[in-house]
Amino acid sequence: MRVLSSFLQGLVNIFFSARFRVEGDSMLPALRQGESVLVVRTRFRWNRLRRGDVAVFER
C-alpha cells in the first residue's frame, strides 16, 4: 500500500503540480527569497488569471 501511495504521489507531482524556490526579491512582498511555492499546473485551464494571482514561468 505504501508503494502504491508513493507511486500515485509521484504521478500527481509530475503531471499536476510542481515545487519552485523563489530566487531574488522581485516577488516581494508576496514571496520572499528562498521560499518554496507549490504550483498547480492545471488551474489556468479551468479559470482565467485574475489580479493578485501569481504566475510561474519555467526557464
PDB file of N, CA and C in Angstrom:
ATOM      1  N   MET A   1       0.820  -1.194   0.000  1.00  0.00           N
ATOM      2  CA  MET A   1       0.000   0.000   0.000  1.00  0.00           C
ATOM      3  C   MET A   1       0.864   1.257   0.000  1.00  0.00           C
ATOM      4  N   ARG A   2       1.960   1.232   0.735  1.00  0.00           N
ATOM      5  CA  ARG A   2       2.853   2.382   0.816  1.00  0.00           C
ATOM      6  C   ARG A   2       3.508   2.650  -0.534  1.00  0.00           C
ATOM      7  N   VAL A   3       3.843   1.593  -1.260  1.00  0.00           N
ATOM      8  CA  VAL A   3       4.454   1.744  -2.583  1.00  0.00           C
ATOM      9  C   VAL A   3       3.456   2.372  -3.550  1.00  0.00           C
ATOM     10  N   LEU A   4       2.220   1.922  -3.517  1.00  0.00           N
ATOM     11  CA  LEU A   4       1.182   2.481  -4.379  1.00  0.00           C
ATOM     12  C   LEU A   4       0.952   3.959  -4.062  1.00  0.00           C
ATOM     13  N   SER A   5       0.922   4.290  -2.796  1.00  0.00           N
ATOM     14  CA  SER A   5       0.736   5.675  -2.380  1.00  0.00           C
ATOM     15  C   SER A   5       1.876   6.558  -2.884  1.00  0.00           C
ATOM     16  N   SER A   6       3.095   6.082  -2.763  1.00  0.00           N
ATOM     17  CA  SER A   6       4.257   6.836  -3.252  1.00  0.00           C
ATOM     18  C   SER A   6       4.211   6.992  -4.760  1.00  0.00           C
ATOM     19  N   PHE A   7       3.804   5.949  -5.458  1.00  0.00           N
ATOM     20  CA  PHE A   7       3.700   5.998  -6.917  1.00  0.00           C
ATOM     21  C   PHE A   7       2.662   7.031  -7.351  1.00  0.00           C
ATOM     22  N   LEU A   8       1.487   7.000  -6.728  1.00  0.00           N
ATOM     23  CA  LEU A   8       0.433   7.954  -7.068  1.00  0.00           C
ATOM     24  C   LEU A   8       0.850   9.386  -6.747  1.00  0.00           C
ATOM     25  N   GLN A   9       1.538   9.583  -5.637  1.00  0.00           N
ATOM     26  CA  GLN A   9       2.037  10.913  -5.284  1.00  0.00           C
ATOM     27  C   GLN A   9       3.029  11.405  -6.325  1.00  0.00           C
ATOM     28  N   GLY A  10       3.875  10.517  -6.805  1.00  0.00           N
ATOM     29  CA  GLY A  10       4.824  10.878  -7.856  1.00  0.00           C
ATOM     30  C   GLY A  10       4.129  11.289  -9.139  1.00  0.00           C
ATOM     31  N   LEU A  11       3.088  10.558  -9.530  1.00  0.00           N
ATOM     32  CA  LEU A  11       2.333  10.922 -10.734  1.00  0.00           C
ATOM     33  C   LEU A  11       1.675  12.291 -10.596  1.00  0.00           C
ATOM     34  N   VAL A  12       1.103  12.545  -9.440  1.00  0.00           N
ATOM     35  CA  VAL A  12       0.473  13.849  -9.204  1.00  0.00           C
ATOM     36  C   VAL A  12       1.519  14.956  -9.297  1.00  0.00           C
ATOM     37  N   ASN A  13       2.680  14.734  -8.701  1.00  0.00           N
ATOM     38  CA  ASN A  13       3.738  15.745  -8.745  1.00  0.00           C
ATOM     39  C   ASN A  13       4.236  15.988 -10.160  1.00  0.00           C
ATOM     40  N   ILE A  14       4.327  14.962 -10.968  1.00  0.00           N
ATOM     41  CA  ILE A  14       4.844  15.107 -12.329  1.00  0.00           C
ATOM     42  C   ILE A  14       3.851  15.829 -13.224  1.00  0.00           C
ATOM     43  N   PHE A  15       2.581  15.462 -13.162  1.00  0.00           N
ATOM     44  CA  PHE A  15       1.606  15.962 -14.126  1.00  0.00           C
ATOM     45  C   PHE A  15       0.758  17.140 -13.640  1.00  0.00           C
ATOM     46  N   PHE A  16       0.565  17.292 -12.349  1.00  0.00           N
ATOM     47  CA  PHE A  16      -0.390  18.286 -11.866  1.00  0.00           C
ATOM     48  C   PHE A  16       0.195  19.373 -10.981  1.00  0.00           C
ATOM     49  N   SER A  17       1.374  19.179 -10.444  1.00  0.00           N
ATOM     50  CA  SER A  17       1.939  20.195  -9.566  1.00  0.00           C
ATOM     51  C   SER A  17       3.455  20.219  -9.693  1.00  0.00           C
ATOM     52  N   ALA A  18       4.045  21.286  -9.214  1.00  0.00           N
ATOM     53  CA  ALA A  18       5.499  21.423  -9.220  1.00  0.00           C
ATOM     54  C   ALA A  18       5.899  22.323  -8.055  1.00  0.00           C
ATOM     55  N   ARG A  19       7.082  22.105  -7.540  1.00  0.00           N
ATOM     56  CA  ARG A  19       7.597  22.920  -6.442  1.00  0.00           C
ATOM     57  C   ARG A  19       8.710  23.809  -6.992  1.00  0.00           C
ATOM     58  N   PHE A  20       8.633  25.090  -6.672  1.00  0.00           N
ATOM     59  CA  PHE A  20       9.631  26.052  -7.111  1.00  0.00           C
ATOM     60  C   PHE A  20      10.172  26.795  -5.905  1.00  0.00           C
ATOM     61  N   ARG A  21      11.410  27.262  -6.019  1.00  0.00           N
ATOM     62  CA  ARG A  21      12.030  28.080  -4.982  1.00  0.00           C
ATOM     63  C   ARG A  21      12.186  29.489  -5.538  1.00  0.00           C
ATOM     64  N   VAL A  22      11.791  30.477  -4.751  1.00  0.00           N
ATOM     65  CA  VAL A  22      11.867  31.878  -5.168  1.00  0.00           C
ATOM     66  C   VAL A  22      13.321  32.320  -5.141  1.00  0.00           C
ATOM     67  N   GLU A  23      13.771  32.903  -6.258  1.00  0.00           N
ATOM     68  CA  GLU A  23      15.135  33.433  -6.352  1.00  0.00           C
ATOM     69  C   GLU A  23      15.062  34.931  -6.587  1.00  0.00           C
ATOM     70  N   GLY A  24      15.628  35.704  -5.699  1.00  0.00           N
ATOM     71  CA  GLY A  24      15.619  37.158  -5.840  1.00  0.00           C
ATOM     72  C   GLY A  24      14.453  37.797  -5.102  1.00  0.00           C
ATOM     73  N   ASP A  25      14.394  39.124  -5.193  1.00  0.00           N
ATOM     74  CA  ASP A  25      13.389  39.887  -4.457  1.00  0.00           C
ATOM     75  C   ASP A  25      12.272  40.421  -5.345  1.00  0.00           C
ATOM     76  N   SER A  26      12.158  39.947  -6.557  1.00  0.00           N
ATOM     77  CA  SER A  26      11.177  40.503  -7.490  1.00  0.00           C
ATOM     78  C   SER A  26       9.732  40.196  -7.091  1.00  0.00           C
ATOM     79  N   MET A  27       9.514  39.224  -6.220  1.00  0.00           N
ATOM     80  CA  MET A  27       8.148  38.857  -5.826  1.00  0.00           C
ATOM     81  C   MET A  27       7.724  39.470  -4.486  1.00  0.00           C
ATOM     82  N   LEU A  28       8.589  40.317  -3.904  1.00  0.00           N
ATOM     83  CA  LEU A  28       8.219  40.968  -2.646  1.00  0.00           C
ATOM     84  C   LEU A  28       7.011  41.855  -2.847  1.00  0.00           C
ATOM     85  N   PRO A  29       6.126  42.019  -1.929  1.00  0.00           N
ATOM     86  CA  PRO A  29       6.075  41.445  -0.588  1.00  0.00           C
ATOM     87  C   PRO A  29       5.352  40.099  -0.517  1.00  0.00           C
ATOM     88  N   ALA A  30       4.839  39.597  -1.636  1.00  0.00           N
ATOM     89  CA  ALA A  30       4.071  38.345  -1.608  1.00  0.00           C
ATOM     90  C   ALA A  30       4.940  37.147  -1.253  1.00  0.00           C
ATOM     91  N   LEU A  31       6.105  37.058  -1.865  1.00  0.00           N
ATOM     92  CA  LEU A  31       7.005  35.924  -1.647  1.00  0.00           C
ATOM     93  C   LEU A  31       8.414  36.442  -1.402  1.00  0.00           C
ATOM     94  N   ARG A  32       9.118  35.802  -0.492  1.00  0.00           N
ATOM     95  CA  ARG A  32      10.486  36.210  -0.168  1.00  0.00           C
ATOM     96  C   ARG A  32      11.485  35.234  -0.769  1.00  0.00           C
ATOM     97  N   GLN A  33      12.713  35.702  -0.937  1.00  0.00           N
ATOM     98  CA  GLN A  33      13.768  34.863  -1.483  1.00  0.00           C
ATOM     99  C   GLN A  33      13.959  33.625  -0.617  1.00  0.00           C
ATOM    100  N   GLY A  34      14.065  32.468  -1.284  1.00  0.00           N
ATOM    101  CA  GLY A  34      14.291  31.214  -0.589  1.00  0.00           C
ATOM    102  C   GLY A  34      13.024  30.454  -0.229  1.00  0.00           C
ATOM    103  N   GLU A  35      11.860  31.095  -0.311  1.00  0.00           N
ATOM    104  CA  GLU A  35      10.612  30.398  -0.002  1.00  0.00           C
ATOM    105  C   GLU A  35      10.277  29.396  -1.102  1.00  0.00           C
ATOM    106  N   SER A  36       9.603  28.329  -0.717  1.00  0.00           N
ATOM    107  CA  SER A  36       9.142  27.334  -1.683  1.00  0.00           C
ATOM    108  C   SER A  36       7.683  27.597  -2.024  1.00  0.00           C
ATOM    109  N   VAL A  37       7.341  27.341  -3.287  1.00  0.00           N
ATOM    110  CA  VAL A  37       5.982  27.547  -3.768  1.00  0.00           C
ATOM    111  C   VAL A  37       5.522  26.269  -4.442  1.00  0.00           C
ATOM    112  N   LEU A  38       4.344  25.783  -4.084  1.00  0.00           N
ATOM    113  CA  LEU A  38       3.751  24.632  -4.744  1.00  0.00           C
ATOM    114  C   LEU A  38       2.787  25.154  -5.796  1.00  0.00           C
ATOM    115  N   VAL A  39       3.037  24.815  -7.048  1.00  0.00           N
ATOM    116  CA  VAL A  39       2.266  25.335  -8.170  1.00  0.00           C
ATOM    117  C   VAL A  39       1.359  24.242  -8.710  1.00  0.00           C
ATOM    118  N   VAL A  40       0.084  24.559  -8.874  1.00  0.00           N
ATOM    119  CA  VAL A  40      -0.869  23.656  -9.512  1.00  0.00           C
ATOM    120  C   VAL A  40      -0.847  23.972 -11.002  1.00  0.00           C
ATOM    121  N   ARG A  41      -0.376  23.032 -11.795  1.00  0.00           N
ATOM    122  CA  ARG A  41      -0.157  23.288 -13.219  1.00  0.00           C
ATOM    123  C   ARG A  41      -1.434  23.393 -14.039  1.00  0.00           C
ATOM    124  N   THR A  42      -2.522  22.815 -13.604  1.00  0.00           N
ATOM    125  CA  THR A  42      -3.720  22.734 -14.439  1.00  0.00           C
ATOM    126  C   THR A  42      -4.745  23.824 -14.160  1.00  0.00           C
ATOM    127  N   ARG A  43      -4.559  24.647 -13.177  1.00  0.00           N
ATOM    128  CA  ARG A  43      -5.583  25.617 -12.782  1.00  0.00           C
ATOM    129  C   ARG A  43      -5.929  26.582 -13.903  1.00  0.00           C
ATOM    130  N   PHE A  44      -4.939  27.066 -14.633  1.00  0.00           N
ATOM    131  CA  PHE A  44      -5.207  28.076 -15.652  1.00  0.00           C
ATOM    132  C   PHE A  44      -6.078  27.538 -16.781  1.00  0.00           C
ATOM    133  N   ARG A  45      -6.150  26.258 -16.934  1.00  0.00           N
ATOM    134  CA  ARG A  45      -7.000  25.688 -17.982  1.00  0.00           C
ATOM    135  C   ARG A  45      -8.479  25.829 -17.647  1.00  0.00           C
ATOM    136  N   TRP A  46      -8.793  25.864 -16.352  1.00  0.00           N
ATOM    137  CA  TRP A  46     -10.184  25.943 -15.925  1.00  0.00           C
ATOM    138  C   TRP A  46     -10.606  27.378 -15.609  1.00  0.00           C
ATOM    139  N   ASN A  47      -9.702  28.156 -15.072  1.00  0.00           N
ATOM    140  CA  ASN A  47     -10.018  29.523 -14.646  1.00  0.00           C
ATOM    141  C   ASN A  47      -9.021  30.501 -15.248  1.00  0.00           C
ATOM    142  N   ARG A  48      -9.486  31.679 -15.552  1.00  0.00           N
ATOM    143  CA  ARG A  48      -8.597  32.715 -16.066  1.00  0.00           C
ATOM    144  C   ARG A  48      -7.793  33.309 -14.918  1.00  0.00           C
ATOM    145  N   LEU A  49      -6.632  33.845 -15.251  1.00  0.00           N
ATOM    146  CA  LEU A  49      -5.840  34.538 -14.243  1.00  0.00           C
ATOM    147  C   LEU A  49      -6.561  35.813 -13.831  1.00  0.00           C
ATOM    148  N   ARG A  50      -6.466  36.112 -12.543  1.00  0.00           N
ATOM    149  CA  ARG A  50      -7.083  37.322 -12.010  1.00  0.00           C
ATOM    150  C   ARG A  50      -6.033  38.158 -11.299  1.00  0.00           C
ATOM    151  N   ARG A  51      -6.345  39.409 -11.074  1.00  0.00           N
ATOM    152  CA  ARG A  51      -5.433  40.291 -10.357  1.00  0.00           C
ATOM    153  C   ARG A  51      -5.102  39.677  -8.999  1.00  0.00           C
ATOM    154  N   GLY A  52      -3.820  39.642  -8.677  1.00  0.00           N
ATOM    155  CA  GLY A  52      -3.370  39.066  -7.419  1.00  0.00           C
ATOM    156  C   GLY A  52      -2.887  37.630  -7.543  1.00  0.00           C
ATOM    157  N   ASP A  53      -3.205  36.948  -8.641  1.00  0.00           N
ATOM    158  CA  ASP A  53      -2.706  35.590  -8.867  1.00  0.00           C
ATOM    159  C   ASP A  53      -1.213  35.644  -9.166  1.00  0.00           C
ATOM    160  N   VAL A  54      -0.513  34.603  -8.804  1.00  0.00           N
ATOM    161  CA  VAL A  54       0.920  34.502  -9.088  1.00  0.00           C
ATOM    162  C   VAL A  54       1.103  33.538 -10.244  1.00  0.00           C
ATOM    163  N   ALA A  55       1.789  33.983 -11.284  1.00  0.00           N
ATOM    164  CA  ALA A  55       2.079  33.137 -12.445  1.00  0.00           C
ATOM    165  C   ALA A  55       3.551  32.755 -12.416  1.00  0.00           C
ATOM    166  N   VAL A  56       3.857  31.495 -12.687  1.00  0.00           N
ATOM    167  CA  VAL A  56       5.232  30.993 -12.665  1.00  0.00           C
ATOM    168  C   VAL A  56       5.621  30.585 -14.072  1.00  0.00           C
ATOM    169  N   PHE A  57       6.794  31.036 -14.506  1.00  0.00           N
ATOM    170  CA  PHE A  57       7.328  30.677 -15.816  1.00  0.00           C
ATOM    171  C   PHE A  57       8.628  29.918 -15.614  1.00  0.00           C
ATOM    172  N   GLU A  58       8.746  28.759 -16.241  1.00  0.00           N
ATOM    173  CA  GLU A  58       9.986  27.991 -16.168  1.00  0.00           C
ATOM    174  C   GLU A  58      10.940  28.447 -17.253  1.00  0.00           C
ATOM    175  N   ARG A  59      12.218  28.405 -16.944  1.00  0.00           N
ATOM    176  CA  ARG A  59      13.233  28.721 -17.956  1.00  0.00           C
ATOM    177  C   ARG A  59      13.610  27.488 -18.686  1.00  0.00           C
TER     178      ARG A  59
END
